[in-house]
Amino acid sequence: SMTLLSLMPLITDKYLTCVVNSDYIFQYLRDFINDSVNLQINDVRQLPVIIPSKEQLEQFHRIFNDAYTIKLMQFAGEISVKLAESKLSKIQEELDNYVLEYYGLTKS
């Protein structure tokens, strides 16, 4: 298990969680840093991290909070696993699109 915490106030833990969980960054890690099945903390330290603007940071926090709320509802039995997965899938797509835009890329 790996714990990832930020040491900079402009790079929040929620921001890092979002970026690392995006498909683009995950693929970047696999293609350029470590192609094994086990990512290490030193692999994550090599990521190209962009300092977000206040608005960008708020967007990442909103995405994180939306996903976190769904998981809390699932764990509390307020929504089914199937419904949680459906909602989280939509948030994952939103995150992936936002990260691509954030890094100045487009879907291929």
PDB file of N, CA and C in Angstrom:
ATOM      1  N   SER A   1       0.842  -1.180   0.000  1.00  0.00           N
ATOM      2  CA  SER A   1       0.000   0.000   0.000  1.00  0.00           C
ATOM      3  C   SER A   1       0.880   1.233   0.000  1.00  0.00           C
ATOM      4  N   MET A   2       0.413   2.274  -0.665  1.00  0.00           N
ATOM      5  CA  MET A   2       1.208   3.474  -0.838  1.00  0.00           C
ATOM      6  C   MET A   2       0.386   4.668  -0.368  1.00  0.00           C
ATOM      7  N   THR A   3       1.039   5.569   0.350  1.00  0.00           N
ATOM      8  CA  THR A   3       0.399   6.805   0.767  1.00  0.00           C
ATOM      9  C   THR A   3       1.025   7.942  -0.012  1.00  0.00           C
ATOM     10  N   LEU A   4       0.193   8.769  -0.606  1.00  0.00           N
ATOM     11  CA  LEU A   4       0.661   9.881  -1.419  1.00  0.00           C
ATOM     12  C   LEU A   4       0.116  11.164  -0.825  1.00  0.00           C
ATOM     13  N   LEU A   5       1.002  11.985  -0.301  1.00  0.00           N
ATOM     14  CA  LEU A   5       0.616  13.258   0.289  1.00  0.00           C
ATOM     15  C   LEU A   5       1.440  14.372  -0.330  1.00  0.00           C
ATOM     16  N   SER A   6       0.829  15.514  -0.475  1.00  0.00           N
ATOM     17  CA  SER A   6       1.516  16.663  -1.042  1.00  0.00           C
ATOM     18  C   SER A   6       2.301  17.398   0.035  1.00  0.00           C
ATOM     19  N   LEU A   7       3.404  17.987  -0.382  1.00  0.00           N
ATOM     20  CA  LEU A   7       4.202  18.817   0.525  1.00  0.00           C
ATOM     21  C   LEU A   7       4.066  20.295   0.197  1.00  0.00           C
ATOM     22  N   MET A   8       3.228  20.604  -0.791  1.00  0.00           N
ATOM     23  CA  MET A   8       3.043  21.985  -1.232  1.00  0.00           C
ATOM     24  C   MET A   8       1.581  22.383  -1.079  1.00  0.00           C
ATOM     25  N   PRO A   9       1.302  23.578  -0.567  1.00  0.00           N
ATOM     26  CA  PRO A   9      -0.094  23.992  -0.397  1.00  0.00           C
ATOM     27  C   PRO A   9      -0.861  24.139  -1.714  1.00  0.00           C
ATOM     28  N   LEU A  10      -0.183  24.445  -2.810  1.00  0.00           N
ATOM     29  CA  LEU A  10      -0.863  24.601  -4.095  1.00  0.00           C
ATOM     30  C   LEU A  10      -1.155  23.262  -4.771  1.00  0.00           C
ATOM     31  N   ILE A  11      -0.541  22.203  -4.266  1.00  0.00           N
ATOM     32  CA  ILE A  11      -0.775  20.858  -4.778  1.00  0.00           C
ATOM     33  C   ILE A  11      -1.430  20.074  -3.644  1.00  0.00           C
ATOM     34  N   THR A  12      -2.756  20.042  -3.637  1.00  0.00           N
ATOM     35  CA  THR A  12      -3.482  19.414  -2.535  1.00  0.00           C
ATOM     36  C   THR A  12      -3.555  17.900  -2.718  1.00  0.00           C
ATOM     37  N   ASP A  13      -3.853  17.212  -1.640  1.00  0.00           N
ATOM     38  CA  ASP A  13      -3.996  15.762  -1.699  1.00  0.00           C
ATOM     39  C   ASP A  13      -5.139  15.364  -2.630  1.00  0.00           C
ATOM     40  N   LYS A  14      -6.231  16.116  -2.612  1.00  0.00           N
ATOM     41  CA  LYS A  14      -7.363  15.820  -3.495  1.00  0.00           C
ATOM     42  C   LYS A  14      -6.954  15.980  -4.960  1.00  0.00           C
ATOM     43  N   TYR A  15      -6.196  17.024  -5.250  1.00  0.00           N
ATOM     44  CA  TYR A  15      -5.704  17.252  -6.613  1.00  0.00           C
ATOM     45  C   TYR A  15      -4.841  16.071  -7.056  1.00  0.00           C
ATOM     46  N   LEU A  16      -3.874  15.688  -6.211  1.00  0.00           N
ATOM     47  CA  LEU A  16      -2.990  14.578  -6.556  1.00  0.00           C
ATOM     48  C   LEU A  16      -3.773  13.285  -6.767  1.00  0.00           C
ATOM     49  N   THR A  17      -4.738  13.033  -5.915  1.00  0.00           N
ATOM     50  CA  THR A  17      -5.559  11.829  -6.047  1.00  0.00           C
ATOM     51  C   THR A  17      -6.253  11.807  -7.395  1.00  0.00           C
ATOM     52  N   CYS A  18      -6.820  12.936  -7.791  1.00  0.00           N
ATOM     53  CA  CYS A  18      -7.492  13.015  -9.094  1.00  0.00           C
ATOM     54  C   CYS A  18      -6.512  12.776 -10.234  1.00  0.00           C
ATOM     55  N   VAL A  19      -5.407  13.475 -10.229  1.00  0.00           N
ATOM     56  CA  VAL A  19      -4.460  13.377 -11.343  1.00  0.00           C
ATOM     57  C   VAL A  19      -3.927  11.956 -11.469  1.00  0.00           C
ATOM     58  N   VAL A  20      -3.529  11.359 -10.352  1.00  0.00           N
ATOM     59  CA  VAL A  20      -2.966  10.012 -10.390  1.00  0.00           C
ATOM     60  C   VAL A  20      -4.009   8.980 -10.817  1.00  0.00           C
ATOM     61  N   ASN A  21      -5.276   9.240 -10.552  1.00  0.00           N
ATOM     62  CA  ASN A  21      -6.332   8.299 -10.929  1.00  0.00           C
ATOM     63  C   ASN A  21      -6.903   8.544 -12.314  1.00  0.00           C
ATOM     64  N   SER A  22      -6.348   9.486 -13.048  1.00  0.00           N
ATOM     65  CA  SER A  22      -6.802   9.698 -14.420  1.00  0.00           C
ATOM     66  C   SER A  22      -6.149   8.664 -15.336  1.00  0.00           C
ATOM     67  N   ASP A  23      -6.856   8.291 -16.378  1.00  0.00           N
ATOM     68  CA  ASP A  23      -6.316   7.318 -17.328  1.00  0.00           C
ATOM     69  C   ASP A  23      -5.038   7.820 -17.991  1.00  0.00           C
ATOM     70  N   TYR A  24      -4.996   9.114 -18.310  1.00  0.00           N
ATOM     71  CA  TYR A  24      -3.819   9.666 -18.993  1.00  0.00           C
ATOM     72  C   TYR A  24      -2.562   9.505 -18.139  1.00  0.00           C
ATOM     73  N   ILE A  25      -2.635   9.914 -16.887  1.00  0.00           N
ATOM     74  CA  ILE A  25      -1.452   9.847 -16.027  1.00  0.00           C
ATOM     75  C   ILE A  25      -1.094   8.400 -15.730  1.00  0.00           C
ATOM     76  N   PHE A  26      -2.096   7.545 -15.531  1.00  0.00           N
ATOM     77  CA  PHE A  26      -1.817   6.131 -15.306  1.00  0.00           C
ATOM     78  C   PHE A  26      -1.076   5.549 -16.509  1.00  0.00           C
ATOM     79  N   GLN A  27      -1.549   5.865 -17.706  1.00  0.00           N
ATOM     80  CA  GLN A  27      -0.889   5.369 -18.912  1.00  0.00           C
ATOM     81  C   GLN A  27       0.515   5.954 -19.051  1.00  0.00           C
ATOM     82  N   TYR A  28       0.678   7.210 -18.694  1.00  0.00           N
ATOM     83  CA  TYR A  28       2.002   7.851 -18.719  1.00  0.00           C
ATOM     84  C   TYR A  28       2.955   7.097 -17.793  1.00  0.00           C
ATOM     85  N   LEU A  29       2.498   6.794 -16.587  1.00  0.00           N
ATOM     86  CA  LEU A  29       3.322   6.031 -15.641  1.00  0.00           C
ATOM     87  C   LEU A  29       3.732   4.693 -16.240  1.00  0.00           C
ATOM     88  N   ARG A  30       2.770   3.996 -16.842  1.00  0.00           N
ATOM     89  CA  ARG A  30       3.045   2.671 -17.415  1.00  0.00           C
ATOM     90  C   ARG A  30       3.987   2.745 -18.625  1.00  0.00           C
ATOM     91  N   ASP A  31       3.793   3.741 -19.472  1.00  0.00           N
ATOM     92  CA  ASP A  31       4.572   3.824 -20.708  1.00  0.00           C
ATOM     93  C   ASP A  31       5.975   4.381 -20.516  1.00  0.00           C
ATOM     94  N   PHE A  32       6.133   5.322 -19.597  1.00  0.00           N
ATOM     95  CA  PHE A  32       7.409   6.041 -19.504  1.00  0.00           C
ATOM     96  C   PHE A  32       8.179   5.834 -18.211  1.00  0.00           C
ATOM     97  N   ILE A  33       7.532   5.375 -17.166  1.00  0.00           N
ATOM     98  CA  ILE A  33       8.227   5.319 -15.880  1.00  0.00           C
ATOM     99  C   ILE A  33       8.378   3.893 -15.361  1.00  0.00           C
ATOM    100  N   ASN A  34       7.294   3.129 -15.339  1.00  0.00           N
ATOM    101  CA  ASN A  34       7.360   1.779 -14.791  1.00  0.00           C
ATOM    102  C   ASN A  34       6.307   0.922 -15.466  1.00  0.00           C
ATOM    103  N   ASP A  35       6.750  -0.015 -16.294  1.00  0.00           N
ATOM    104  CA  ASP A  35       5.785  -0.843 -17.009  1.00  0.00           C
ATOM    105  C   ASP A  35       5.462  -2.146 -16.284  1.00  0.00           C
ATOM    106  N   SER A  36       5.899  -2.280 -15.048  1.00  0.00           N
ATOM    107  CA  SER A  36       5.560  -3.474 -14.273  1.00  0.00           C
ATOM    108  C   SER A  36       4.173  -3.302 -13.650  1.00  0.00           C
ATOM    109  N   VAL A  37       3.689  -4.343 -13.012  1.00  0.00           N
ATOM    110  CA  VAL A  37       2.364  -4.273 -12.403  1.00  0.00           C
ATOM    111  C   VAL A  37       2.364  -3.505 -11.087  1.00  0.00           C
ATOM    112  N   ASN A  38       3.515  -3.272 -10.516  1.00  0.00           N
ATOM    113  CA  ASN A  38       3.605  -2.609  -9.216  1.00  0.00           C
ATOM    114  C   ASN A  38       4.214  -1.217  -9.333  1.00  0.00           C
ATOM    115  N   LEU A  39       3.366  -0.210  -9.184  1.00  0.00           N
ATOM    116  CA  LEU A  39       3.875   1.154  -9.141  1.00  0.00           C
ATOM    117  C   LEU A  39       4.457   1.424  -7.763  1.00  0.00           C
ATOM    118  N   GLN A  40       5.506   2.194  -7.720  1.00  0.00           N
ATOM    119  CA  GLN A  40       6.163   2.549  -6.467  1.00  0.00           C
ATOM    120  C   GLN A  40       6.012   4.047  -6.229  1.00  0.00           C
ATOM    121  N   ILE A  41       6.187   4.476  -4.995  1.00  0.00           N
ATOM    122  CA  ILE A  41       6.072   5.901  -4.664  1.00  0.00           C
ATOM    123  C   ILE A  41       7.069   6.726  -5.470  1.00  0.00           C
ATOM    124  N   ASN A  42       8.265   6.187  -5.719  1.00  0.00           N
ATOM    125  CA  ASN A  42       9.255   6.933  -6.509  1.00  0.00           C
ATOM    126  C   ASN A  42       8.805   7.097  -7.960  1.00  0.00           C
ATOM    127  N   ASP A  43       7.983   6.183  -8.458  1.00  0.00           N
ATOM    128  CA  ASP A  43       7.425   6.333  -9.804  1.00  0.00           C
ATOM    129  C   ASP A  43       6.507   7.554  -9.847  1.00  0.00           C
ATOM    130  N   VAL A  44       5.661   7.672  -8.844  1.00  0.00           N
ATOM    131  CA  VAL A  44       4.703   8.776  -8.788  1.00  0.00           C
ATOM    132  C   VAL A  44       5.430  10.109  -8.623  1.00  0.00           C
ATOM    133  N   ARG A  45       6.540  10.098  -7.925  1.00  0.00           N
ATOM    134  CA  ARG A  45       7.306  11.344  -7.733  1.00  0.00           C
ATOM    135  C   ARG A  45       7.856  11.895  -9.039  1.00  0.00           C
ATOM    136  N   GLN A  46       7.911  11.076 -10.080  1.00  0.00           N
ATOM    137  CA  GLN A  46       8.439  11.510 -11.374  1.00  0.00           C
ATOM    138  C   GLN A  46       7.372  12.077 -12.311  1.00  0.00           C
ATOM    139  N   LEU A  47       6.149  12.144 -11.834  1.00  0.00           N
ATOM    140  CA  LEU A  47       5.067  12.650 -12.677  1.00  0.00           C
ATOM    141  C   LEU A  47       5.240  14.131 -13.005  1.00  0.00           C
ATOM    142  N   PRO A  48       4.851  14.521 -14.207  1.00  0.00           N
ATOM    143  CA  PRO A  48       4.855  15.950 -14.549  1.00  0.00           C
ATOM    144  C   PRO A  48       3.631  16.622 -13.932  1.00  0.00           C
ATOM    145  N   VAL A  49       3.817  17.318 -12.837  1.00  0.00           N
ATOM    146  CA  VAL A  49       2.707  17.949 -12.128  1.00  0.00           C
ATOM    147  C   VAL A  49       2.654  19.423 -12.489  1.00  0.00           C
ATOM    148  N   ILE A  50       1.486  19.866 -12.918  1.00  0.00           N
ATOM    149  CA  ILE A  50       1.262  21.265 -13.261  1.00  0.00           C
ATOM    150  C   ILE A  50       0.626  21.941 -12.052  1.00  0.00           C
ATOM    151  N   ILE A  51       1.134  23.112 -11.683  1.00  0.00           N
ATOM    152  CA  ILE A  51       0.542  23.870 -10.586  1.00  0.00           C
ATOM    153  C   ILE A  51      -0.800  24.415 -11.078  1.00  0.00           C
ATOM    154  N   PRO A  52      -1.903  24.021 -10.436  1.00  0.00           N
ATOM    155  CA  PRO A  52      -3.216  24.448 -10.922  1.00  0.00           C
ATOM    156  C   PRO A  52      -3.555  25.879 -10.509  1.00  0.00           C
ATOM    157  N   SER A  53      -4.364  26.529 -11.333  1.00  0.00           N
ATOM    158  CA  SER A  53      -4.923  27.822 -10.940  1.00  0.00           C
ATOM    159  C   SER A  53      -5.980  27.548  -9.867  1.00  0.00           C
ATOM    160  N   LYS A  54      -6.473  28.593  -9.252  1.00  0.00           N
ATOM    161  CA  LYS A  54      -7.509  28.439  -8.227  1.00  0.00           C
ATOM    162  C   LYS A  54      -8.741  27.753  -8.822  1.00  0.00           C
ATOM    163  N   GLU A  55      -9.132  28.159 -10.031  1.00  0.00           N
ATOM    164  CA  GLU A  55     -10.305  27.594 -10.683  1.00  0.00           C
ATOM    165  C   GLU A  55     -10.090  26.119 -11.027  1.00  0.00           C
ATOM    166  N   GLN A  56      -8.903  25.801 -11.520  1.00  0.00           N
ATOM    167  CA  GLN A  56      -8.601  24.409 -11.846  1.00  0.00           C
ATOM    168  C   GLN A  56      -8.605  23.548 -10.585  1.00  0.00           C
ATOM    169  N   LEU A  57      -8.024  24.065  -9.521  1.00  0.00           N
ATOM    170  CA  LEU A  57      -7.991  23.338  -8.256  1.00  0.00           C
ATOM    171  C   LEU A  57      -9.406  23.091  -7.742  1.00  0.00           C
ATOM    172  N   GLU A  58     -10.261  24.093  -7.861  1.00  0.00           N
ATOM    173  CA  GLU A  58     -11.654  23.932  -7.437  1.00  0.00           C
ATOM    174  C   GLU A  58     -12.348  22.852  -8.255  1.00  0.00           C
ATOM    175  N   GLN A  59     -12.059  22.783  -9.554  1.00  0.00           N
ATOM    176  CA  GLN A  59     -12.657  21.753 -10.414  1.00  0.00           C
ATOM    177  C   GLN A  59     -12.188  20.367  -9.982  1.00  0.00           C
ATOM    178  N   PHE A  60     -10.895  20.209  -9.712  1.00  0.00           N
ATOM    179  CA  PHE A  60     -10.381  18.919  -9.242  1.00  0.00           C
ATOM    180  C   PHE A  60     -11.012  18.555  -7.893  1.00  0.00           C
ATOM    181  N   HIS A  61     -11.144  19.520  -7.012  1.00  0.00           N
ATOM    182  CA  HIS A  61     -11.761  19.247  -5.704  1.00  0.00           C
ATOM    183  C   HIS A  61     -13.221  18.822  -5.870  1.00  0.00           C
ATOM    184  N   ARG A  62     -13.935  19.456  -6.783  1.00  0.00           N
ATOM    185  CA  ARG A  62     -15.332  19.089  -7.011  1.00  0.00           C
ATOM    186  C   ARG A  62     -15.429  17.655  -7.516  1.00  0.00           C
ATOM    187  N   ILE A  63     -14.588  17.297  -8.466  1.00  0.00           N
ATOM    188  CA  ILE A  63     -14.589  15.938  -8.998  1.00  0.00           C
ATOM    189  C   ILE A  63     -14.277  14.940  -7.880  1.00  0.00           C
ATOM    190  N   PHE A  64     -13.248  15.229  -7.081  1.00  0.00           N
ATOM    191  CA  PHE A  64     -12.899  14.352  -5.962  1.00  0.00           C
ATOM    192  C   PHE A  64     -14.078  14.208  -5.002  1.00  0.00           C
ATOM    193  N   ASN A  65     -14.654  15.335  -4.603  1.00  0.00           N
ATOM    194  CA  ASN A  65     -15.752  15.314  -3.632  1.00  0.00           C
ATOM    195  C   ASN A  65     -16.968  14.560  -4.161  1.00  0.00           C
ATOM    196  N   ASP A  66     -17.255  14.690  -5.456  1.00  0.00           N
ATOM    197  CA  ASP A  66     -18.371  13.945  -6.049  1.00  0.00           C
ATOM    198  C   ASP A  66     -18.137  12.434  -5.928  1.00  0.00           C
ATOM    199  N   ALA A  67     -16.931  11.992  -6.272  1.00  0.00           N
ATOM    200  CA  ALA A  67     -16.611  10.564  -6.192  1.00  0.00           C
ATOM    201  C   ALA A  67     -16.616  10.086  -4.741  1.00  0.00           C
ATOM    202  N   TYR A  68     -16.063  10.879  -3.851  1.00  0.00           N
ATOM    203  CA  TYR A  68     -15.993  10.527  -2.430  1.00  0.00           C
ATOM    204  C   TYR A  68     -17.397  10.384  -1.836  1.00  0.00           C
ATOM    205  N   THR A  69     -18.283  11.295  -2.199  1.00  0.00           N
ATOM    206  CA  THR A  69     -19.664  11.248  -1.701  1.00  0.00           C
ATOM    207  C   THR A  69     -20.361   9.972  -2.166  1.00  0.00           C
ATOM    208  N   ILE A  70     -20.149   9.600  -3.413  1.00  0.00           N
ATOM    209  CA  ILE A  70     -20.759   8.374  -3.941  1.00  0.00           C
ATOM    210  C   ILE A  70     -20.259   7.154  -3.178  1.00  0.00           C
ATOM    211  N   LYS A  71     -18.946   7.098  -2.931  1.00  0.00           N
ATOM    212  CA  LYS A  71     -18.397   5.964  -2.189  1.00  0.00           C
ATOM    213  C   LYS A  71     -18.943   5.925  -0.764  1.00  0.00           C
ATOM    214  N   LEU A  72     -19.082   7.074  -0.119  1.00  0.00           N
ATOM    215  CA  LEU A  72     -19.664   7.101   1.228  1.00  0.00           C
ATOM    216  C   LEU A  72     -21.096   6.587   1.215  1.00  0.00           C
ATOM    217  N   MET A  73     -21.860   7.004   0.214  1.00  0.00           N
ATOM    218  CA  MET A  73     -23.244   6.539   0.090  1.00  0.00           C
ATOM    219  C   MET A  73     -23.294   5.024  -0.141  1.00  0.00           C
ATOM    220  N   GLN A  74     -22.371   4.516  -0.959  1.00  0.00           N
ATOM    221  CA  GLN A  74     -22.314   3.082  -1.218  1.00  0.00           C
ATOM    222  C   GLN A  74     -21.983   2.327   0.069  1.00  0.00           C
ATOM    223  N   PHE A  75     -20.964   2.777   0.791  1.00  0.00           N
ATOM    224  CA  PHE A  75     -20.557   2.094   2.015  1.00  0.00           C
ATOM    225  C   PHE A  75     -21.631   2.151   3.090  1.00  0.00           C
ATOM    226  N   ALA A  76     -22.437   3.205   3.076  1.00  0.00           N
ATOM    227  CA  ALA A  76     -23.524   3.344   4.052  1.00  0.00           C
ATOM    228  C   ALA A  76     -24.771   2.574   3.632  1.00  0.00           C
ATOM    229  N   GLY A  77     -24.740   1.977   2.456  1.00  0.00           N
ATOM    230  CA  GLY A  77     -25.888   1.216   1.975  1.00  0.00           C
ATOM    231  C   GLY A  77     -27.004   2.083   1.424  1.00  0.00           C
ATOM    232  N   GLU A  78     -26.709   3.368   1.169  1.00  0.00           N
ATOM    233  CA  GLU A  78     -27.727   4.285   0.644  1.00  0.00           C
ATOM    234  C   GLU A  78     -27.951   4.099  -0.849  1.00  0.00           C
ATOM    235  N   ILE A  79     -26.939   3.590  -1.550  1.00  0.00           N
ATOM    236  CA  ILE A  79     -27.076   3.268  -2.975  1.00  0.00           C
ATOM    237  C   ILE A  79     -26.406   1.924  -3.217  1.00  0.00           C
ATOM    238  N   SER A  80     -26.839   1.251  -4.251  1.00  0.00           N
ATOM    239  CA  SER A  80     -26.290  -0.072  -4.571  1.00  0.00           C
ATOM    240  C   SER A  80     -24.889   0.064  -5.168  1.00  0.00           C
ATOM    241  N   VAL A  81     -24.163  -1.037  -5.137  1.00  0.00           N
ATOM    242  CA  VAL A  81     -22.838  -1.076  -5.754  1.00  0.00           C
ATOM    243  C   VAL A  81     -22.963  -0.775  -7.244  1.00  0.00           C
ATOM    244  N   LYS A  82     -23.986  -1.329  -7.873  1.00  0.00           N
ATOM    245  CA  LYS A  82     -24.185  -1.121  -9.317  1.00  0.00           C
ATOM    246  C   LYS A  82     -24.426   0.352  -9.634  1.00  0.00           C
ATOM    247  N   LEU A  83     -25.268   1.007  -8.849  1.00  0.00           N
ATOM    248  CA  LEU A  83     -25.537   2.423  -9.072  1.00  0.00           C
ATOM    249  C   LEU A  83     -24.285   3.257  -8.793  1.00  0.00           C
ATOM    250  N   ALA A  84     -23.556   2.913  -7.736  1.00  0.00           N
ATOM    251  CA  ALA A  84     -22.308   3.629  -7.416  1.00  0.00           C
ATOM    252  C   ALA A  84     -21.319   3.499  -8.570  1.00  0.00           C
ATOM    253  N   GLU A  85     -21.169   2.279  -9.092  1.00  0.00           N
ATOM    254  CA  GLU A  85     -20.240   2.066 -10.203  1.00  0.00           C
ATOM    255  C   GLU A  85     -20.653   2.861 -11.434  1.00  0.00           C
ATOM    256  N   SER A  86     -21.946   2.937 -11.693  1.00  0.00           N
ATOM    257  CA  SER A  86     -22.444   3.706 -12.831  1.00  0.00           C
ATOM    258  C   SER A  86     -22.124   5.189 -12.657  1.00  0.00           C
ATOM    259  N   LYS A  87     -22.391   5.713 -11.480  1.00  0.00           N
ATOM    260  CA  LYS A  87     -22.107   7.121 -11.206  1.00  0.00           C
ATOM    261  C   LYS A  87     -20.605   7.405 -11.242  1.00  0.00           C
ATOM    262  N   LEU A  88     -19.814   6.491 -10.671  1.00  0.00           N
ATOM    263  CA  LEU A  88     -18.362   6.673 -10.664  1.00  0.00           C
ATOM    264  C   LEU A  88     -17.771   6.585 -12.061  1.00  0.00           C
ATOM    265  N   SER A  89     -18.371   5.776 -12.913  1.00  0.00           N
ATOM    266  CA  SER A  89     -17.913   5.679 -14.292  1.00  0.00           C
ATOM    267  C   SER A  89     -18.055   7.018 -15.007  1.00  0.00           C
ATOM    268  N   LYS A  90     -19.162   7.707 -14.762  1.00  0.00           N
ATOM    269  CA  LYS A  90     -19.376   9.028 -15.359  1.00  0.00           C
ATOM    270  C   LYS A  90     -18.365  10.045 -14.811  1.00  0.00           C
ATOM    271  N   ILE A  91     -18.086   9.962 -13.519  1.00  0.00           N
ATOM    272  CA  ILE A  91     -17.101  10.868 -12.920  1.00  0.00           C
ATOM    273  C   ILE A  91     -15.712  10.564 -13.465  1.00  0.00           C
ATOM    274  N   GLN A  92     -15.396   9.282 -13.663  1.00  0.00           N
ATOM    275  CA  GLN A  92     -14.094   8.910 -14.223  1.00  0.00           C
ATOM    276  C   GLN A  92     -13.934   9.501 -15.620  1.00  0.00           C
ATOM    277  N   GLU A  93     -14.991   9.425 -16.424  1.00  0.00           N
ATOM    278  CA  GLU A  93     -14.944   9.994 -17.773  1.00  0.00           C
ATOM    279  C   GLU A  93     -14.743  11.511 -17.713  1.00  0.00           C
ATOM    280  N   GLU A  94     -15.450  12.169 -16.797  1.00  0.00           N
ATOM    281  CA  GLU A  94     -15.286  13.607 -16.626  1.00  0.00           C
ATOM    282  C   GLU A  94     -13.856  13.936 -16.205  1.00  0.00           C
ATOM    283  N   LEU A  95     -13.326  13.174 -15.266  1.00  0.00           N
ATOM    284  CA  LEU A  95     -11.950  13.389 -14.800  1.00  0.00           C
ATOM    285  C   LEU A  95     -10.960  13.200 -15.938  1.00  0.00           C
ATOM    286  N   ASP A  96     -11.108  12.111 -16.674  1.00  0.00           N
ATOM    287  CA  ASP A  96     -10.182  11.832 -17.773  1.00  0.00           C
ATOM    288  C   ASP A  96     -10.204  12.954 -18.815  1.00  0.00           C
ATOM    289  N   ASN A  97     -11.385  13.415 -19.173  1.00  0.00           N
ATOM    290  CA  ASN A  97     -11.490  14.515 -20.135  1.00  0.00           C
ATOM    291  C   ASN A  97     -10.881  15.795 -19.580  1.00  0.00           C
ATOM    292  N   TYR A  98     -11.116  16.063 -18.297  1.00  0.00           N
ATOM    293  CA  TYR A  98     -10.585  17.285 -17.686  1.00  0.00           C
ATOM    294  C   TYR A  98      -9.062  17.239 -17.610  1.00  0.00           C
ATOM    295  N   VAL A  99      -8.494  16.099 -17.252  1.00  0.00           N
ATOM    296  CA  VAL A  99      -7.037  15.979 -17.168  1.00  0.00           C
ATOM    297  C   VAL A  99      -6.404  16.155 -18.547  1.00  0.00           C
ATOM    298  N   LEU A 100      -7.016  15.582 -19.572  1.00  0.00           N
ATOM    299  CA  LEU A 100      -6.489  15.785 -20.929  1.00  0.00           C
ATOM    300  C   LEU A 100      -6.492  17.267 -21.297  1.00  0.00           C
ATOM    301  N   GLU A 101      -7.578  17.936 -21.006  1.00  0.00           N
ATOM    302  CA  GLU A 101      -7.675  19.371 -21.276  1.00  0.00           C
ATOM    303  C   GLU A 101      -6.642  20.137 -20.440  1.00  0.00           C
ATOM    304  N   TYR A 102      -6.518  19.771 -19.185  1.00  0.00           N
ATOM    305  CA  TYR A 102      -5.593  20.414 -18.245  1.00  0.00           C
ATOM    306  C   TYR A 102      -4.144  20.311 -18.720  1.00  0.00           C
ATOM    307  N   TYR A 103      -3.798  19.166 -19.285  1.00  0.00           N
ATOM    308  CA  TYR A 103      -2.435  18.957 -19.794  1.00  0.00           C
ATOM    309  C   TYR A 103      -2.292  19.401 -21.250  1.00  0.00           C
ATOM    310  N   GLY A 104      -3.342  20.005 -21.801  1.00  0.00           N
ATOM    311  CA  GLY A 104      -3.265  20.535 -23.156  1.00  0.00           C
ATOM    312  C   GLY A 104      -3.284  19.469 -24.224  1.00  0.00           C
ATOM    313  N   LEU A 105      -3.963  18.361 -23.956  1.00  0.00           N
ATOM    314  CA  LEU A 105      -4.006  17.244 -24.893  1.00  0.00           C
ATOM    315  C   LEU A 105      -5.426  17.018 -25.372  1.00  0.00           C
ATOM    316  N   THR A 106      -5.553  16.181 -26.382  1.00  0.00           N
ATOM    317  CA  THR A 106      -6.880  15.799 -26.868  1.00  0.00           C
ATOM    318  C   THR A 106      -6.941  14.293 -26.922  1.00  0.00           C
ATOM    319  N   LYS A 107      -8.169  13.748 -26.903  1.00  0.00           N
ATOM    320  CA  LYS A 107      -8.344  12.301 -27.038  1.00  0.00           C
ATOM    321  C   LYS A 107      -7.953  11.874 -28.430  1.00  0.00           C
ATOM    322  N   SER A 108      -7.248  10.732 -28.506  1.00  0.00           N
ATOM    323  CA  SER A 108      -6.891  10.228 -29.846  1.00  0.00           C
ATOM    324  C   SER A 108      -7.853   9.166 -30.281  1.00  0.00           C
TER     325      SER A 108
END
